Amino acid sequence: MILNYDELLDQLHTDYNIKKALTNGTLYKVERGIYSTKSNYSNVEILKKKYPEAVFSSYSAFQILGLSNFVPRNYYLTIERNSTRIKENFVECNYAFKNVAYLGITIMKYNGIEVRVYSKERMLIELVRNKNKYSLNYYCEVIKRYRLISSTLDLGMLRKLLEKFRYGKVLYNRILVEVL
């Protein structure tokens, strides 16, 4: 379990008890202000604790949603433009406008950890919107997977999400041609 310093103080009550737990080996310091009760911890747990508003997106979201077999080297997260900047070596961050940053979020289990990730419908929009950011092979792989699950997509939700985006009608027409 990953805890920040304030949560640790609530449990152990004093700085002395925290230091004692660290020396006993019942607590491990991950980085400044972040502690773990296990010696082996996941970067996903740390990201979730440090940046609770962040949403897994892009390559990470496609992998979590089962739409790609590609395992990205870094984690891809999206946060609001005026949020605290994420300065991690293993994170690629996308900064989005407030009106679209938190649309279409769902909670999923990833390696036993509940994470915030964009829904399949939102990621379809992102895939079509940012077609040039992905290699052609990757784009085609994900589009093929979407074609296989097209009957499970919530078209009502897709339309509602597209209303919030600039050029939503153009994106919808492109989705109809390529996927549905």
N, C-alpha and C. Protein backbone atom coordinates (compact mmCIF):
# COMPACT_ATOMS: atom_id res chain seq x y z
N MET A 1 0.85 -1.18 0.00
CA MET A 1 0.00 0.00 0.00
C MET A 1 0.90 1.24 0.00
N ILE A 2 0.57 2.19 -0.85
CA ILE A 2 1.33 3.43 -0.95
C ILE A 2 0.64 4.50 -0.10
N LEU A 3 1.42 5.20 0.71
CA LEU A 3 0.88 6.25 1.58
C LEU A 3 1.71 7.52 1.41
N ASN A 4 1.04 8.66 1.56
CA ASN A 4 1.82 9.90 1.61
C ASN A 4 2.11 10.23 3.08
N TYR A 5 2.89 11.25 3.30
CA TYR A 5 3.35 11.57 4.65
C TYR A 5 2.19 11.86 5.60
N ASP A 6 1.20 12.61 5.15
CA ASP A 6 0.05 12.95 6.02
C ASP A 6 -0.74 11.71 6.43
N GLU A 7 -0.95 10.79 5.49
CA GLU A 7 -1.66 9.55 5.82
C GLU A 7 -0.86 8.70 6.81
N LEU A 8 0.43 8.73 6.64
CA LEU A 8 1.32 7.99 7.55
C LEU A 8 1.28 8.57 8.95
N LEU A 9 1.26 9.90 9.03
CA LEU A 9 1.16 10.56 10.35
C LEU A 9 -0.16 10.22 11.04
N ASP A 10 -1.24 10.13 10.26
CA ASP A 10 -2.53 9.74 10.84
C ASP A 10 -2.47 8.34 11.43
N GLN A 11 -1.73 7.45 10.79
CA GLN A 11 -1.65 6.06 11.27
C GLN A 11 -0.64 5.89 12.41
N LEU A 12 0.53 6.48 12.26
CA LEU A 12 1.61 6.24 13.23
C LEU A 12 1.77 7.36 14.26
N HIS A 13 1.10 8.47 14.06
CA HIS A 13 0.97 9.58 15.01
C HIS A 13 2.20 10.48 15.18
N THR A 14 3.42 9.95 15.08
CA THR A 14 4.60 10.81 15.28
C THR A 14 5.67 10.50 14.25
N ASP A 15 6.55 11.48 14.07
CA ASP A 15 7.70 11.31 13.20
C ASP A 15 8.62 10.19 13.71
N TYR A 16 8.74 10.11 15.02
CA TYR A 16 9.57 9.08 15.64
C TYR A 16 9.09 7.68 15.23
N ASN A 17 7.78 7.45 15.27
CA ASN A 17 7.22 6.15 14.90
C ASN A 17 7.45 5.83 13.42
N ILE A 18 7.42 6.86 12.58
CA ILE A 18 7.68 6.67 11.14
C ILE A 18 9.13 6.23 10.95
N LYS A 19 10.05 6.92 11.60
CA LYS A 19 11.47 6.57 11.49
C LYS A 19 11.73 5.16 12.04
N LYS A 20 11.05 4.82 13.11
CA LYS A 20 11.18 3.50 13.71
C LYS A 20 10.70 2.42 12.73
N ALA A 21 9.57 2.66 12.08
CA ALA A 21 9.04 1.71 11.10
C ALA A 21 9.97 1.57 9.90
N LEU A 22 10.61 2.67 9.51
CA LEU A 22 11.57 2.62 8.41
C LEU A 22 12.80 1.78 8.78
N THR A 23 13.29 1.93 9.98
CA THR A 23 14.47 1.16 10.40
C THR A 23 14.13 -0.31 10.66
N ASN A 24 12.92 -0.60 11.12
CA ASN A 24 12.48 -1.97 11.36
C ASN A 24 12.25 -2.74 10.06
N GLY A 25 12.02 -2.03 8.96
CA GLY A 25 11.74 -2.69 7.69
C GLY A 25 10.26 -2.97 7.46
N THR A 26 9.39 -2.38 8.29
CA THR A 26 7.95 -2.54 8.08
C THR A 26 7.40 -1.45 7.17
N LEU A 27 8.25 -0.46 6.87
CA LEU A 27 7.87 0.66 6.01
C LEU A 27 9.05 0.99 5.12
N TYR A 28 8.78 1.37 3.89
CA TYR A 28 9.83 1.68 2.92
C TYR A 28 9.59 3.06 2.33
N LYS A 29 10.65 3.84 2.25
CA LYS A 29 10.54 5.17 1.66
C LYS A 29 10.76 5.03 0.16
N VAL A 30 9.76 5.46 -0.61
CA VAL A 30 9.83 5.39 -2.06
C VAL A 30 10.54 6.63 -2.59
N GLU A 31 10.08 7.77 -2.14
CA GLU A 31 10.67 9.07 -2.48
C GLU A 31 10.17 10.07 -1.47
N ARG A 32 10.58 11.30 -1.61
CA ARG A 32 10.19 12.32 -0.64
C ARG A 32 8.66 12.40 -0.50
N GLY A 33 8.17 12.12 0.70
CA GLY A 33 6.73 12.22 0.99
C GLY A 33 5.91 11.02 0.59
N ILE A 34 6.51 10.00 -0.01
CA ILE A 34 5.79 8.81 -0.45
C ILE A 34 6.44 7.57 0.17
N TYR A 35 5.59 6.74 0.80
CA TYR A 35 6.07 5.55 1.50
C TYR A 35 5.25 4.33 1.07
N SER A 36 5.84 3.15 1.24
CA SER A 36 5.17 1.91 0.89
C SER A 36 5.25 0.94 2.05
N THR A 37 4.21 0.14 2.21
CA THR A 37 4.21 -0.90 3.23
C THR A 37 4.81 -2.19 2.69
N LYS A 38 5.05 -2.24 1.37
CA LYS A 38 5.67 -3.41 0.73
C LYS A 38 7.02 -3.00 0.13
N SER A 39 7.94 -3.94 0.09
CA SER A 39 9.26 -3.63 -0.48
C SER A 39 9.20 -3.51 -2.00
N ASN A 40 8.29 -4.25 -2.62
CA ASN A 40 8.12 -4.13 -4.07
C ASN A 40 6.80 -3.42 -4.35
N TYR A 41 6.87 -2.37 -5.08
CA TYR A 41 5.70 -1.54 -5.36
C TYR A 41 5.71 -1.20 -6.84
N SER A 42 4.57 -0.80 -7.32
CA SER A 42 4.39 -0.51 -8.73
C SER A 42 4.47 1.00 -8.98
N ASN A 43 5.03 1.37 -10.12
CA ASN A 43 5.04 2.78 -10.52
C ASN A 43 3.62 3.31 -10.70
N VAL A 44 2.71 2.42 -11.09
CA VAL A 44 1.31 2.82 -11.26
C VAL A 44 0.72 3.27 -9.92
N GLU A 45 1.04 2.55 -8.84
CA GLU A 45 0.56 2.93 -7.51
C GLU A 45 1.10 4.30 -7.10
N ILE A 46 2.37 4.53 -7.41
CA ILE A 46 2.99 5.81 -7.07
C ILE A 46 2.33 6.94 -7.85
N LEU A 47 2.12 6.73 -9.15
CA LEU A 47 1.47 7.75 -9.98
C LEU A 47 0.05 8.05 -9.48
N LYS A 48 -0.65 7.00 -9.11
CA LYS A 48 -2.02 7.16 -8.62
C LYS A 48 -2.05 7.98 -7.33
N LYS A 49 -1.07 7.76 -6.46
CA LYS A 49 -1.01 8.49 -5.19
C LYS A 49 -0.57 9.94 -5.40
N LYS A 50 0.45 10.15 -6.22
CA LYS A 50 1.00 11.48 -6.42
C LYS A 50 0.11 12.38 -7.28
N TYR A 51 -0.55 11.77 -8.27
CA TYR A 51 -1.36 12.55 -9.22
C TYR A 51 -2.75 11.93 -9.33
N PRO A 52 -3.58 12.09 -8.31
CA PRO A 52 -4.89 11.42 -8.32
C PRO A 52 -5.83 11.92 -9.42
N GLU A 53 -5.57 13.12 -9.95
CA GLU A 53 -6.43 13.66 -11.01
C GLU A 53 -6.02 13.17 -12.39
N ALA A 54 -4.86 12.55 -12.53
CA ALA A 54 -4.35 12.09 -13.82
C ALA A 54 -5.16 10.91 -14.36
N VAL A 55 -5.25 10.85 -15.69
CA VAL A 55 -6.01 9.80 -16.37
C VAL A 55 -5.07 9.10 -17.36
N PHE A 56 -5.07 7.78 -17.35
CA PHE A 56 -4.27 7.06 -18.31
C PHE A 56 -4.87 7.24 -19.70
N SER A 57 -4.01 7.58 -20.65
CA SER A 57 -4.47 7.88 -22.00
C SER A 57 -3.49 7.33 -23.02
N SER A 58 -3.75 7.59 -24.27
CA SER A 58 -2.88 7.23 -25.39
C SER A 58 -2.50 5.74 -25.35
N TYR A 59 -1.22 5.44 -25.54
CA TYR A 59 -0.77 4.05 -25.62
C TYR A 59 -1.13 3.27 -24.35
N SER A 60 -1.00 3.91 -23.19
CA SER A 60 -1.31 3.23 -21.92
C SER A 60 -2.77 2.83 -21.86
N ALA A 61 -3.65 3.73 -22.27
CA ALA A 61 -5.08 3.43 -22.22
C ALA A 61 -5.45 2.31 -23.19
N PHE A 62 -4.88 2.34 -24.39
CA PHE A 62 -5.18 1.27 -25.34
C PHE A 62 -4.74 -0.08 -24.80
N GLN A 63 -3.61 -0.12 -24.11
CA GLN A 63 -3.14 -1.37 -23.53
C GLN A 63 -4.06 -1.82 -22.39
N ILE A 64 -4.42 -0.90 -21.49
CA ILE A 64 -5.29 -1.23 -20.35
C ILE A 64 -6.66 -1.70 -20.84
N LEU A 65 -7.17 -1.07 -21.88
CA LEU A 65 -8.49 -1.42 -22.42
C LEU A 65 -8.45 -2.70 -23.25
N GLY A 66 -7.27 -3.24 -23.50
CA GLY A 66 -7.15 -4.47 -24.28
C GLY A 66 -7.27 -4.25 -25.78
N LEU A 67 -7.01 -3.04 -26.23
CA LEU A 67 -7.12 -2.73 -27.65
C LEU A 67 -5.78 -2.78 -28.37
N SER A 68 -4.73 -3.05 -27.63
CA SER A 68 -3.41 -3.15 -28.22
C SER A 68 -2.54 -4.08 -27.38
N ASN A 69 -1.64 -4.78 -28.04
CA ASN A 69 -0.68 -5.63 -27.33
C ASN A 69 0.62 -4.90 -27.05
N PHE A 70 0.76 -3.73 -27.62
CA PHE A 70 1.97 -2.94 -27.47
C PHE A 70 2.10 -2.45 -26.03
N VAL A 71 3.25 -2.72 -25.41
CA VAL A 71 3.52 -2.27 -24.05
C VAL A 71 4.43 -1.05 -24.15
N PRO A 72 3.90 0.13 -23.83
CA PRO A 72 4.72 1.34 -23.98
C PRO A 72 5.85 1.40 -22.94
N ARG A 73 6.93 2.04 -23.33
CA ARG A 73 8.08 2.20 -22.43
C ARG A 73 7.72 3.13 -21.28
N ASN A 74 6.95 4.15 -21.56
CA ASN A 74 6.51 5.13 -20.55
C ASN A 74 5.02 4.99 -20.32
N TYR A 75 4.55 5.57 -19.22
CA TYR A 75 3.11 5.68 -18.98
C TYR A 75 2.64 6.98 -19.60
N TYR A 76 1.46 6.95 -20.20
CA TYR A 76 0.89 8.13 -20.84
C TYR A 76 -0.29 8.59 -20.00
N LEU A 77 -0.22 9.83 -19.53
CA LEU A 77 -1.25 10.40 -18.67
C LEU A 77 -1.75 11.71 -19.25
N THR A 78 -3.00 12.03 -18.95
CA THR A 78 -3.57 13.32 -19.32
C THR A 78 -4.06 14.01 -18.06
N ILE A 79 -3.75 15.29 -17.96
CA ILE A 79 -4.25 16.12 -16.86
C ILE A 79 -4.68 17.46 -17.44
N GLU A 80 -5.35 18.21 -16.60
CA GLU A 80 -5.81 19.55 -17.00
C GLU A 80 -4.61 20.47 -17.22
N ARG A 81 -4.74 21.40 -18.15
CA ARG A 81 -3.64 22.29 -18.52
C ARG A 81 -3.01 23.04 -17.36
N ASN A 82 -3.81 23.54 -16.45
CA ASN A 82 -3.26 24.35 -15.36
C ASN A 82 -3.00 23.54 -14.09
N SER A 83 -2.91 22.22 -14.21
CA SER A 83 -2.57 21.36 -13.07
C SER A 83 -1.07 21.36 -12.84
N THR A 84 -0.67 20.79 -11.72
CA THR A 84 0.74 20.63 -11.42
C THR A 84 1.40 19.78 -12.49
N ARG A 85 2.54 20.21 -12.96
CA ARG A 85 3.27 19.48 -13.99
C ARG A 85 3.79 18.16 -13.44
N ILE A 86 3.74 17.13 -14.26
CA ILE A 86 4.24 15.83 -13.88
C ILE A 86 5.69 15.73 -14.36
N LYS A 87 6.58 15.54 -13.41
CA LYS A 87 8.00 15.49 -13.73
C LYS A 87 8.57 14.13 -13.36
N GLU A 88 8.16 13.13 -14.06
CA GLU A 88 8.65 11.77 -13.85
C GLU A 88 9.33 11.31 -15.13
N ASN A 89 10.43 10.58 -14.98
CA ASN A 89 11.17 10.09 -16.15
C ASN A 89 10.38 9.08 -16.97
N PHE A 90 9.49 8.37 -16.33
CA PHE A 90 8.77 7.29 -16.98
C PHE A 90 7.34 7.68 -17.38
N VAL A 91 7.07 9.00 -17.50
CA VAL A 91 5.73 9.47 -17.83
C VAL A 91 5.79 10.45 -19.00
N GLU A 92 4.90 10.22 -19.96
CA GLU A 92 4.64 11.18 -21.03
C GLU A 92 3.30 11.81 -20.68
N CYS A 93 3.28 13.12 -20.60
CA CYS A 93 2.07 13.80 -20.14
C CYS A 93 1.43 14.63 -21.24
N ASN A 94 0.11 14.58 -21.30
CA ASN A 94 -0.67 15.39 -22.21
C ASN A 94 -1.49 16.35 -21.36
N TYR A 95 -1.45 17.62 -21.69
CA TYR A 95 -2.20 18.63 -20.95
C TYR A 95 -3.39 19.06 -21.78
N ALA A 96 -4.60 18.85 -21.27
CA ALA A 96 -5.83 19.12 -22.01
C ALA A 96 -6.61 20.26 -21.37
N PHE A 97 -7.47 20.87 -22.16
CA PHE A 97 -8.34 21.92 -21.64
C PHE A 97 -9.33 21.33 -20.65
N LYS A 98 -9.76 22.14 -19.70
CA LYS A 98 -10.63 21.69 -18.62
C LYS A 98 -11.93 21.05 -19.14
N ASN A 99 -12.48 21.61 -20.22
CA ASN A 99 -13.78 21.12 -20.70
C ASN A 99 -13.70 19.71 -21.31
N VAL A 100 -12.49 19.23 -21.67
CA VAL A 100 -12.38 17.89 -22.25
C VAL A 100 -11.45 16.96 -21.48
N ALA A 101 -10.70 17.48 -20.54
CA ALA A 101 -9.69 16.66 -19.84
C ALA A 101 -10.31 15.50 -19.08
N TYR A 102 -11.47 15.69 -18.49
CA TYR A 102 -12.05 14.66 -17.63
C TYR A 102 -13.34 14.07 -18.18
N LEU A 103 -13.52 14.13 -19.49
CA LEU A 103 -14.69 13.52 -20.13
C LEU A 103 -14.44 12.05 -20.41
N GLY A 104 -15.40 11.22 -20.15
CA GLY A 104 -15.32 9.81 -20.52
C GLY A 104 -14.35 8.99 -19.70
N ILE A 105 -14.26 9.29 -18.42
CA ILE A 105 -13.34 8.54 -17.55
C ILE A 105 -14.06 7.33 -16.96
N THR A 106 -13.34 6.24 -16.88
CA THR A 106 -13.85 5.04 -16.23
C THR A 106 -12.77 4.50 -15.30
N ILE A 107 -13.16 3.71 -14.33
CA ILE A 107 -12.22 3.09 -13.40
C ILE A 107 -12.05 1.63 -13.81
N MET A 108 -10.79 1.20 -13.97
CA MET A 108 -10.51 -0.18 -14.36
C MET A 108 -9.40 -0.74 -13.50
N LYS A 109 -9.35 -2.06 -13.40
CA LYS A 109 -8.24 -2.72 -12.70
C LYS A 109 -7.12 -2.96 -13.69
N TYR A 110 -5.91 -2.56 -13.28
CA TYR A 110 -4.72 -2.77 -14.09
C TYR A 110 -3.65 -3.34 -13.17
N ASN A 111 -3.26 -4.58 -13.40
CA ASN A 111 -2.31 -5.28 -12.53
C ASN A 111 -2.75 -5.24 -11.06
N GLY A 112 -4.06 -5.39 -10.83
CA GLY A 112 -4.59 -5.42 -9.48
C GLY A 112 -4.80 -4.06 -8.84
N ILE A 113 -4.59 -2.99 -9.59
CA ILE A 113 -4.71 -1.63 -9.07
C ILE A 113 -5.83 -0.91 -9.83
N GLU A 114 -6.74 -0.28 -9.10
CA GLU A 114 -7.79 0.49 -9.76
C GLU A 114 -7.21 1.80 -10.26
N VAL A 115 -7.36 2.06 -11.57
CA VAL A 115 -6.82 3.28 -12.17
C VAL A 115 -7.91 4.00 -12.96
N ARG A 116 -7.69 5.29 -13.12
CA ARG A 116 -8.58 6.11 -13.96
C ARG A 116 -8.06 6.04 -15.38
N VAL A 117 -8.93 5.65 -16.28
CA VAL A 117 -8.56 5.52 -17.69
C VAL A 117 -9.74 6.02 -18.53
N TYR A 118 -9.44 6.54 -19.71
CA TYR A 118 -10.52 6.95 -20.60
C TYR A 118 -11.27 5.73 -21.11
N SER A 119 -12.57 5.90 -21.34
CA SER A 119 -13.42 4.82 -21.84
C SER A 119 -13.04 4.47 -23.28
N LYS A 120 -13.55 3.35 -23.75
CA LYS A 120 -13.29 2.92 -25.13
C LYS A 120 -13.80 3.96 -26.12
N GLU A 121 -14.94 4.55 -25.82
CA GLU A 121 -15.51 5.56 -26.72
C GLU A 121 -14.62 6.80 -26.77
N ARG A 122 -14.17 7.26 -25.62
CA ARG A 122 -13.29 8.44 -25.58
C ARG A 122 -11.97 8.15 -26.29
N MET A 123 -11.43 6.96 -26.10
CA MET A 123 -10.16 6.63 -26.74
C MET A 123 -10.31 6.48 -28.25
N LEU A 124 -11.48 6.08 -28.72
CA LEU A 124 -11.74 6.04 -30.16
C LEU A 124 -11.69 7.46 -30.73
N ILE A 125 -12.28 8.39 -30.01
CA ILE A 125 -12.22 9.80 -30.43
C ILE A 125 -10.78 10.28 -30.45
N GLU A 126 -10.03 9.97 -29.40
CA GLU A 126 -8.63 10.40 -29.32
C GLU A 126 -7.80 9.78 -30.44
N LEU A 127 -8.07 8.52 -30.76
CA LEU A 127 -7.34 7.85 -31.83
C LEU A 127 -7.57 8.55 -33.16
N VAL A 128 -8.82 8.86 -33.46
CA VAL A 128 -9.15 9.51 -34.73
C VAL A 128 -8.67 10.96 -34.73
N ARG A 129 -8.81 11.65 -33.61
CA ARG A 129 -8.35 13.04 -33.51
C ARG A 129 -6.85 13.18 -33.72
N ASN A 130 -6.11 12.26 -33.14
CA ASN A 130 -4.65 12.34 -33.15
C ASN A 130 -4.03 11.26 -34.03
N LYS A 131 -4.65 10.99 -35.14
CA LYS A 131 -4.21 9.93 -36.05
C LYS A 131 -2.74 10.07 -36.44
N ASN A 132 -2.27 11.27 -36.61
CA ASN A 132 -0.89 11.50 -37.06
C ASN A 132 0.15 11.25 -35.96
N LYS A 133 -0.28 11.14 -34.71
CA LYS A 133 0.66 10.89 -33.62
C LYS A 133 1.06 9.41 -33.51
N TYR A 134 0.29 8.55 -34.15
CA TYR A 134 0.54 7.12 -34.07
C TYR A 134 1.11 6.61 -35.39
N SER A 135 1.93 5.56 -35.31
CA SER A 135 2.42 4.95 -36.55
C SER A 135 1.24 4.31 -37.28
N LEU A 136 1.39 4.15 -38.57
CA LEU A 136 0.31 3.58 -39.37
C LEU A 136 -0.02 2.16 -38.92
N ASN A 137 1.00 1.37 -38.61
CA ASN A 137 0.76 -0.01 -38.16
C ASN A 137 -0.01 -0.04 -36.85
N TYR A 138 0.39 0.82 -35.92
CA TYR A 138 -0.30 0.87 -34.62
C TYR A 138 -1.74 1.32 -34.81
N TYR A 139 -1.95 2.36 -35.59
CA TYR A 139 -3.29 2.89 -35.86
C TYR A 139 -4.18 1.80 -36.45
N CYS A 140 -3.67 1.08 -37.43
CA CYS A 140 -4.46 0.02 -38.08
C CYS A 140 -4.78 -1.11 -37.10
N GLU A 141 -3.81 -1.47 -36.24
CA GLU A 141 -4.03 -2.52 -35.24
C GLU A 141 -5.18 -2.14 -34.31
N VAL A 142 -5.16 -0.91 -33.82
CA VAL A 142 -6.20 -0.48 -32.87
C VAL A 142 -7.55 -0.35 -33.58
N ILE A 143 -7.56 0.17 -34.80
CA ILE A 143 -8.82 0.28 -35.56
C ILE A 143 -9.42 -1.11 -35.79
N LYS A 144 -8.59 -2.10 -36.11
CA LYS A 144 -9.09 -3.48 -36.29
C LYS A 144 -9.74 -3.99 -35.02
N ARG A 145 -9.11 -3.71 -33.88
CA ARG A 145 -9.69 -4.15 -32.60
C ARG A 145 -11.02 -3.44 -32.34
N TYR A 146 -11.09 -2.16 -32.69
CA TYR A 146 -12.35 -1.43 -32.52
C TYR A 146 -13.44 -2.02 -33.41
N ARG A 147 -13.09 -2.43 -34.61
CA ARG A 147 -14.09 -3.05 -35.50
C ARG A 147 -14.65 -4.33 -34.88
N LEU A 148 -13.79 -5.08 -34.19
CA LEU A 148 -14.24 -6.32 -33.56
C LEU A 148 -15.21 -6.06 -32.40
N ILE A 149 -15.04 -4.92 -31.71
CA ILE A 149 -15.90 -4.64 -30.55
C ILE A 149 -16.92 -3.53 -30.85
N SER A 150 -17.10 -3.19 -32.11
CA SER A 150 -17.97 -2.06 -32.46
C SER A 150 -19.40 -2.23 -31.95
N SER A 151 -19.87 -3.47 -31.84
CA SER A 151 -21.24 -3.69 -31.36
C SER A 151 -21.38 -3.39 -29.86
N THR A 152 -20.27 -3.36 -29.13
CA THR A 152 -20.33 -3.10 -27.69
C THR A 152 -20.13 -1.62 -27.34
N LEU A 153 -19.79 -0.81 -28.34
CA LEU A 153 -19.59 0.62 -28.08
C LEU A 153 -20.91 1.31 -27.81
N ASP A 154 -20.91 2.25 -26.89
CA ASP A 154 -22.09 3.03 -26.55
C ASP A 154 -22.13 4.25 -27.47
N LEU A 155 -22.96 4.16 -28.52
CA LEU A 155 -23.01 5.24 -29.53
C LEU A 155 -23.60 6.52 -28.96
N GLY A 156 -24.50 6.40 -28.01
CA GLY A 156 -25.05 7.59 -27.36
C GLY A 156 -23.97 8.36 -26.61
N MET A 157 -23.16 7.62 -25.88
CA MET A 157 -22.05 8.24 -25.16
C MET A 157 -21.04 8.84 -26.14
N LEU A 158 -20.78 8.13 -27.22
CA LEU A 158 -19.85 8.61 -28.24
C LEU A 158 -20.32 9.95 -28.80
N ARG A 159 -21.61 10.05 -29.11
CA ARG A 159 -22.16 11.31 -29.65
C ARG A 159 -22.08 12.44 -28.63
N LYS A 160 -22.39 12.14 -27.37
CA LYS A 160 -22.31 13.16 -26.31
C LYS A 160 -20.89 13.67 -26.14
N LEU A 161 -19.94 12.75 -26.18
CA LEU A 161 -18.55 13.15 -26.06
C LEU A 161 -18.12 14.00 -27.25
N LEU A 162 -18.53 13.61 -28.45
CA LEU A 162 -18.14 14.34 -29.65
C LEU A 162 -18.70 15.77 -29.67
N GLU A 163 -19.84 15.99 -29.01
CA GLU A 163 -20.41 17.34 -28.95
C GLU A 163 -19.49 18.31 -28.23
N LYS A 164 -18.66 17.80 -27.33
CA LYS A 164 -17.76 18.64 -26.54
C LYS A 164 -16.48 18.99 -27.30
N PHE A 165 -16.22 18.28 -28.39
CA PHE A 165 -14.98 18.49 -29.12
C PHE A 165 -15.19 19.39 -30.33
N ARG A 166 -14.16 20.12 -30.63
CA ARG A 166 -14.15 20.92 -31.83
C ARG A 166 -14.15 19.96 -33.02
N TYR A 167 -14.88 20.24 -34.04
CA TYR A 167 -14.99 19.39 -35.23
C TYR A 167 -15.57 18.02 -34.90
N GLY A 168 -16.51 17.99 -33.96
CA GLY A 168 -17.12 16.73 -33.55
C GLY A 168 -17.82 16.00 -34.68
N LYS A 169 -18.49 16.75 -35.57
CA LYS A 169 -19.21 16.11 -36.68
C LYS A 169 -18.24 15.47 -37.67
N VAL A 170 -17.14 16.13 -37.92
CA VAL A 170 -16.12 15.58 -38.83
C VAL A 170 -15.54 14.30 -38.23
N LEU A 171 -15.26 14.33 -36.94
CA LEU A 171 -14.72 13.15 -36.26
C LEU A 171 -15.73 12.00 -36.29
N TYR A 172 -17.00 12.32 -36.07
CA TYR A 172 -18.03 11.28 -36.08
C TYR A 172 -18.11 10.62 -37.45
N ASN A 173 -18.06 11.43 -38.51
CA ASN A 173 -18.10 10.86 -39.87
C ASN A 173 -16.88 9.97 -40.12
N ARG A 174 -15.72 10.38 -39.65
CA ARG A 174 -14.50 9.57 -39.83
C ARG A 174 -14.61 8.26 -39.04
N ILE A 175 -15.21 8.32 -37.85
CA ILE A 175 -15.41 7.10 -37.05
C ILE A 175 -16.38 6.17 -37.74
N LEU A 176 -17.46 6.71 -38.31
CA LEU A 176 -18.42 5.89 -39.04
C LEU A 176 -17.76 5.15 -40.21
N VAL A 177 -16.91 5.85 -40.93
CA VAL A 177 -16.26 5.25 -42.11
C VAL A 177 -15.23 4.20 -41.69
N GLU A 178 -14.44 4.50 -40.67
CA GLU A 178 -13.33 3.62 -40.32
C GLU A 178 -13.69 2.47 -39.39
N VAL A 179 -14.67 2.67 -38.53
CA VAL A 179 -14.95 1.65 -37.50
C VAL A 179 -16.35 1.06 -37.61
N LEU A 180 -17.35 1.90 -37.64
CA LEU A 180 -18.74 1.41 -37.53
C LEU A 180 -19.33 1.04 -38.84
